[in-house]
Amino acid sequence: MKIITLLSIMFVLMFNACSGSDSEKSISLKTGKYGYVLSDSSGNSLVEGEMSVVSITKQQGTGDVNDYEVTGSYTITKNTADSTYQGFSTMNGGEMKGYYNDARKFININTNPRIADANVFINAIVKSKSIEGGWHYSTFRGTHNEGGLFKATKIKK
């Protein structure tokens, strides 16, 4: 009886040790708050604020183990007075949604996922201490000539 109990315990321990090898690895993008700046192509600040990455969940059905859905929110603390940037008319803060690929360290964020037209999209690379890339304004008629640089830095707790 002792042998059966001992073998059962060993089997359970070995099974649990092996199943741990398939556990999800840590990804580069982290949840939390980030201070961000959207600027024109010259680096002049147009919009500043805080974005909060609330959840990063495995994207189902893509076949790529590196694909994730990202959700969160953002606020605007400073907005340009330059009225030539029409894209910011629909960027009022609130919900944001996106896609993240950990293998490429690439993130795409839609700053207004509740509407289909007139959105500001962010395409960036996740680095060790920041997220850096660009933004563009897109409508049903296509991408406008509006766009520039994006940078977000994780806010320490």
C-alpha atoms as a PDB file:
ATOM      1  CA  MET A   1       0.000   0.000   0.000  1.00  0.00           C
ATOM      2  CA  LYS A   2       2.876   2.338   0.834  1.00  0.00           C
ATOM      3  CA  ILE A   3       4.414   1.711  -2.566  1.00  0.00           C
ATOM      4  CA  ILE A   4       1.191   2.633  -4.395  1.00  0.00           C
ATOM      5  CA  THR A   5       0.878   5.824  -2.324  1.00  0.00           C
ATOM      6  CA  LEU A   6       4.538   6.699  -2.939  1.00  0.00           C
ATOM      7  CA  LEU A   7       4.222   6.030  -6.679  1.00  0.00           C
ATOM      8  CA  SER A   8       1.030   8.125  -6.828  1.00  0.00           C
ATOM      9  CA  ILE A   9       2.743  11.045  -5.118  1.00  0.00           C
ATOM     10  CA  MET A  10       5.753  10.792  -7.469  1.00  0.00           C
ATOM     11  CA  PHE A  11       3.441  10.669 -10.498  1.00  0.00           C
ATOM     12  CA  VAL A  12       1.560  13.791  -9.358  1.00  0.00           C
ATOM     13  CA  LEU A  13       4.813  15.672  -8.695  1.00  0.00           C
ATOM     14  CA  MET A  14       6.288  14.715 -12.081  1.00  0.00           C
ATOM     15  CA  PHE A  15       3.046  15.615 -13.894  1.00  0.00           C
ATOM     16  CA  ASN A  16       2.908  19.053 -12.250  1.00  0.00           C
ATOM     17  CA  ALA A  17       6.578  19.718 -12.999  1.00  0.00           C
ATOM     18  CA  CYS A  18       6.113  18.881 -16.675  1.00  0.00           C
ATOM     19  CA  SER A  19       2.917  20.871 -17.076  1.00  0.00           C
ATOM     20  CA  GLY A  20       4.682  23.989 -15.758  1.00  0.00           C
ATOM     21  CA  SER A  21       6.950  24.064 -18.802  1.00  0.00           C
ATOM     22  CA  ASP A  22       4.036  25.191 -20.992  1.00  0.00           C
ATOM     23  CA  SER A  23       3.178  28.137 -18.761  1.00  0.00           C
ATOM     24  CA  GLU A  24       2.931  31.552 -20.401  1.00  0.00           C
ATOM     25  CA  LYS A  25       6.187  33.479 -20.374  1.00  0.00           C
ATOM     26  CA  SER A  26       6.417  37.037 -19.179  1.00  0.00           C
ATOM     27  CA  ILE A  27       5.789  39.548 -21.964  1.00  0.00           C
ATOM     28  CA  SER A  28       7.529  42.899 -22.491  1.00  0.00           C
ATOM     29  CA  LEU A  29       4.410  45.092 -22.337  1.00  0.00           C
ATOM     30  CA  LYS A  30       3.277  45.628 -18.755  1.00  0.00           C
ATOM     31  CA  THR A  31       0.004  46.787 -17.270  1.00  0.00           C
ATOM     32  CA  GLY A  32       0.087  50.081 -15.408  1.00  0.00           C
ATOM     33  CA  LYS A  33       0.156  53.806 -16.016  1.00  0.00           C
ATOM     34  CA  TYR A  34       2.207  55.564 -18.675  1.00  0.00           C
ATOM     35  CA  GLY A  35       2.765  59.257 -19.289  1.00  0.00           C
ATOM     36  CA  TYR A  36       2.487  59.914 -23.032  1.00  0.00           C
ATOM     37  CA  VAL A  37       3.157  62.657 -25.571  1.00  0.00           C
ATOM     38  CA  LEU A  38       1.817  62.883 -29.135  1.00  0.00           C
ATOM     39  CA  SER A  39       3.883  65.350 -31.113  1.00  0.00           C
ATOM     40  CA  ASP A  40       4.159  66.600 -34.656  1.00  0.00           C
ATOM     41  CA  SER A  41       6.934  65.324 -36.931  1.00  0.00           C
ATOM     42  CA  SER A  42       9.240  68.051 -35.586  1.00  0.00           C
ATOM     43  CA  GLY A  43       8.773  66.893 -31.990  1.00  0.00           C
ATOM     44  CA  ASN A  44       6.515  69.773 -30.877  1.00  0.00           C
ATOM     45  CA  SER A  45       4.052  68.508 -28.251  1.00  0.00           C
ATOM     46  CA  LEU A  46       0.414  68.397 -29.400  1.00  0.00           C
ATOM     47  CA  VAL A  47      -1.281  66.173 -26.822  1.00  0.00           C
ATOM     48  CA  GLU A  48      -0.022  65.015 -23.433  1.00  0.00           C
ATOM     49  CA  GLY A  49      -1.624  62.835 -20.823  1.00  0.00           C
ATOM     50  CA  GLU A  50      -1.715  59.546 -19.033  1.00  0.00           C
ATOM     51  CA  MET A  51      -2.702  56.151 -20.393  1.00  0.00           C
ATOM     52  CA  SER A  52      -3.487  53.142 -18.287  1.00  0.00           C
ATOM     53  CA  VAL A  53      -2.954  49.645 -19.684  1.00  0.00           C
ATOM     54  CA  VAL A  54      -5.529  47.663 -17.701  1.00  0.00           C
ATOM     55  CA  SER A  55      -5.434  44.227 -19.335  1.00  0.00           C
ATOM     56  CA  ILE A  56      -3.269  42.247 -21.717  1.00  0.00           C
ATOM     57  CA  THR A  57      -4.963  39.000 -22.717  1.00  0.00           C
ATOM     58  CA  LYS A  58      -3.998  36.233 -25.105  1.00  0.00           C
ATOM     59  CA  GLN A  59      -5.710  36.788 -28.465  1.00  0.00           C
ATOM     60  CA  GLN A  60      -7.713  33.717 -29.429  1.00  0.00           C
ATOM     61  CA  GLY A  61      -7.839  32.189 -32.887  1.00  0.00           C
ATOM     62  CA  THR A  62      -4.780  33.850 -34.444  1.00  0.00           C
ATOM     63  CA  GLY A  63      -2.517  30.820 -34.280  1.00  0.00           C
ATOM     64  CA  ASP A  64       0.323  33.009 -32.990  1.00  0.00           C
ATOM     65  CA  VAL A  65       1.265  32.524 -29.334  1.00  0.00           C
ATOM     66  CA  ASN A  66       2.669  36.076 -29.284  1.00  0.00           C
ATOM     67  CA  ASP A  67      -0.609  37.901 -30.064  1.00  0.00           C
ATOM     68  CA  TYR A  68      -2.434  39.793 -27.298  1.00  0.00           C
ATOM     69  CA  GLU A  69      -5.408  42.132 -26.970  1.00  0.00           C
ATOM     70  CA  VAL A  70      -4.779  45.281 -24.943  1.00  0.00           C
ATOM     71  CA  THR A  71      -7.433  47.371 -23.198  1.00  0.00           C
ATOM     72  CA  GLY A  72      -7.280  50.429 -21.041  1.00  0.00           C
ATOM     73  CA  SER A  73      -8.042  54.100 -20.876  1.00  0.00           C
ATOM     74  CA  TYR A  74      -6.358  57.454 -21.344  1.00  0.00           C
ATOM     75  CA  THR A  75      -6.706  61.025 -20.182  1.00  0.00           C
ATOM     76  CA  ILE A  76      -5.579  64.278 -21.745  1.00  0.00           C
ATOM     77  CA  THR A  77      -3.844  66.839 -19.561  1.00  0.00           C
ATOM     78  CA  LYS A  78      -2.635  69.145 -22.336  1.00  0.00           C
ATOM     79  CA  ASN A  79      -4.046  69.604 -25.841  1.00  0.00           C
ATOM     80  CA  THR A  80      -2.724  71.812 -28.617  1.00  0.00           C
ATOM     81  CA  ALA A  81      -4.497  75.057 -29.453  1.00  0.00           C
ATOM     82  CA  ASP A  82      -3.473  74.555 -33.103  1.00  0.00           C
ATOM     83  CA  SER A  83      -6.774  73.932 -34.917  1.00  0.00           C
ATOM     84  CA  THR A  84      -5.043  72.523 -38.022  1.00  0.00           C
ATOM     85  CA  TYR A  85      -4.826  69.142 -36.283  1.00  0.00           C
ATOM     86  CA  GLN A  86      -8.341  67.861 -36.934  1.00  0.00           C
ATOM     87  CA  GLY A  87      -7.596  64.353 -35.677  1.00  0.00           C
ATOM     88  CA  PHE A  88      -7.741  65.390 -32.075  1.00  0.00           C
ATOM     89  CA  SER A  89     -11.408  66.397 -32.370  1.00  0.00           C
ATOM     90  CA  THR A  90     -12.400  62.774 -31.621  1.00  0.00           C
ATOM     91  CA  MET A  91      -9.620  62.147 -29.110  1.00  0.00           C
ATOM     92  CA  ASN A  92     -11.288  63.127 -25.841  1.00  0.00           C
ATOM     93  CA  GLY A  93      -9.899  60.598 -23.398  1.00  0.00           C
ATOM     94  CA  GLY A  94     -11.663  57.448 -22.302  1.00  0.00           C
ATOM     95  CA  GLU A  95     -11.454  53.898 -23.540  1.00  0.00           C
ATOM     96  CA  MET A  96      -8.632  52.597 -25.747  1.00  0.00           C
ATOM     97  CA  LYS A  97      -8.134  49.169 -27.292  1.00  0.00           C
ATOM     98  CA  GLY A  98      -5.356  47.585 -29.226  1.00  0.00           C
ATOM     99  CA  TYR A  99      -3.256  44.703 -30.344  1.00  0.00           C
ATOM    100  CA  TYR A 100       0.215  43.676 -29.157  1.00  0.00           C
ATOM    101  CA  ASN A 101       2.678  41.171 -30.649  1.00  0.00           C
ATOM    102  CA  ASP A 102       5.379  40.248 -28.156  1.00  0.00           C
ATOM    103  CA  ALA A 103       7.747  38.678 -30.709  1.00  0.00           C
ATOM    104  CA  ARG A 104       7.926  41.923 -32.699  1.00  0.00           C
ATOM    105  CA  LYS A 105       7.371  44.148 -29.612  1.00  0.00           C
ATOM    106  CA  PHE A 106       4.775  45.975 -31.732  1.00  0.00           C
ATOM    107  CA  ILE A 107       1.646  47.648 -30.338  1.00  0.00           C
ATOM    108  CA  ASN A 108      -1.261  49.232 -32.203  1.00  0.00           C
ATOM    109  CA  ILE A 109      -3.736  51.355 -30.194  1.00  0.00           C
ATOM    110  CA  ASN A 110      -7.090  52.791 -31.282  1.00  0.00           C
ATOM    111  CA  THR A 111      -7.802  55.867 -29.126  1.00  0.00           C
ATOM    112  CA  ASN A 112     -11.537  55.767 -29.834  1.00  0.00           C
ATOM    113  CA  PRO A 113     -12.666  52.183 -30.467  1.00  0.00           C
ATOM    114  CA  ARG A 114     -16.370  52.987 -30.098  1.00  0.00           C
ATOM    115  CA  ILE A 115     -16.530  54.793 -33.432  1.00  0.00           C
ATOM    116  CA  ALA A 116     -15.428  53.563 -36.843  1.00  0.00           C
ATOM    117  CA  ASP A 117     -14.536  56.907 -38.425  1.00  0.00           C
ATOM    118  CA  ALA A 118     -12.076  59.672 -37.543  1.00  0.00           C
ATOM    119  CA  ASN A 119      -9.710  57.876 -35.154  1.00  0.00           C
ATOM    120  CA  VAL A 120      -6.185  58.503 -34.002  1.00  0.00           C
ATOM    121  CA  PHE A 121      -4.136  55.284 -34.157  1.00  0.00           C
ATOM    122  CA  ILE A 122      -0.820  54.724 -32.418  1.00  0.00           C
ATOM    123  CA  ASN A 123       1.755  52.285 -33.833  1.00  0.00           C
ATOM    124  CA  ALA A 124       4.785  51.810 -31.626  1.00  0.00           C
ATOM    125  CA  ILE A 125       7.560  49.539 -30.398  1.00  0.00           C
ATOM    126  CA  VAL A 126       7.715  48.461 -26.752  1.00  0.00           C
ATOM    127  CA  LYS A 127      11.176  49.086 -25.340  1.00  0.00           C
ATOM    128  CA  SER A 128      12.562  48.299 -21.898  1.00  0.00           C
ATOM    129  CA  LYS A 129      11.564  51.641 -20.329  1.00  0.00           C
ATOM    130  CA  SER A 130       9.272  53.226 -22.910  1.00  0.00           C
ATOM    131  CA  ILE A 131       6.898  52.773 -25.840  1.00  0.00           C
ATOM    132  CA  GLU A 132       7.973  54.740 -28.916  1.00  0.00           C
ATOM    133  CA  GLY A 133       6.606  55.134 -32.416  1.00  0.00           C
ATOM    134  CA  GLY A 134       4.119  57.237 -34.313  1.00  0.00           C
ATOM    135  CA  TRP A 135       0.486  58.186 -34.654  1.00  0.00           C
ATOM    136  CA  HIS A 136      -1.821  58.879 -37.606  1.00  0.00           C
ATOM    137  CA  TYR A 137      -5.338  60.167 -38.105  1.00  0.00           C
ATOM    138  CA  SER A 138      -7.554  57.859 -40.134  1.00  0.00           C
ATOM    139  CA  THR A 139     -11.031  58.328 -41.598  1.00  0.00           C
ATOM    140  CA  PHE A 140     -13.235  56.320 -43.941  1.00  0.00           C
ATOM    141  CA  ARG A 141     -11.585  58.236 -46.761  1.00  0.00           C
ATOM    142  CA  GLY A 142      -8.144  57.006 -45.651  1.00  0.00           C
ATOM    143  CA  THR A 143      -5.204  58.215 -43.635  1.00  0.00           C
ATOM    144  CA  HIS A 144      -4.833  61.979 -43.587  1.00  0.00           C
ATOM    145  CA  ASN A 145      -1.563  63.843 -43.743  1.00  0.00           C
ATOM    146  CA  GLU A 146      -1.812  64.240 -40.006  1.00  0.00           C
ATOM    147  CA  GLY A 147       0.612  62.223 -37.984  1.00  0.00           C
ATOM    148  CA  GLY A 148       3.724  62.437 -35.931  1.00  0.00           C
ATOM    149  CA  LEU A 149       5.606  60.936 -33.050  1.00  0.00           C
ATOM    150  CA  PHE A 150       4.420  59.061 -29.969  1.00  0.00           C
ATOM    151  CA  LYS A 151       6.275  58.331 -26.751  1.00  0.00           C
ATOM    152  CA  ALA A 152       5.049  56.845 -23.470  1.00  0.00           C
ATOM    153  CA  THR A 153       7.067  56.232 -20.323  1.00  0.00           C
ATOM    154  CA  LYS A 154       5.965  53.953 -17.472  1.00  0.00           C
ATOM    155  CA  ILE A 155       5.030  55.883 -14.358  1.00  0.00           C
ATOM    156  CA  LYS A 156       6.681  54.432 -11.278  1.00  0.00           C
ATOM    157  CA  LYS A 157       4.324  53.482  -8.439  1.00  0.00           C
END
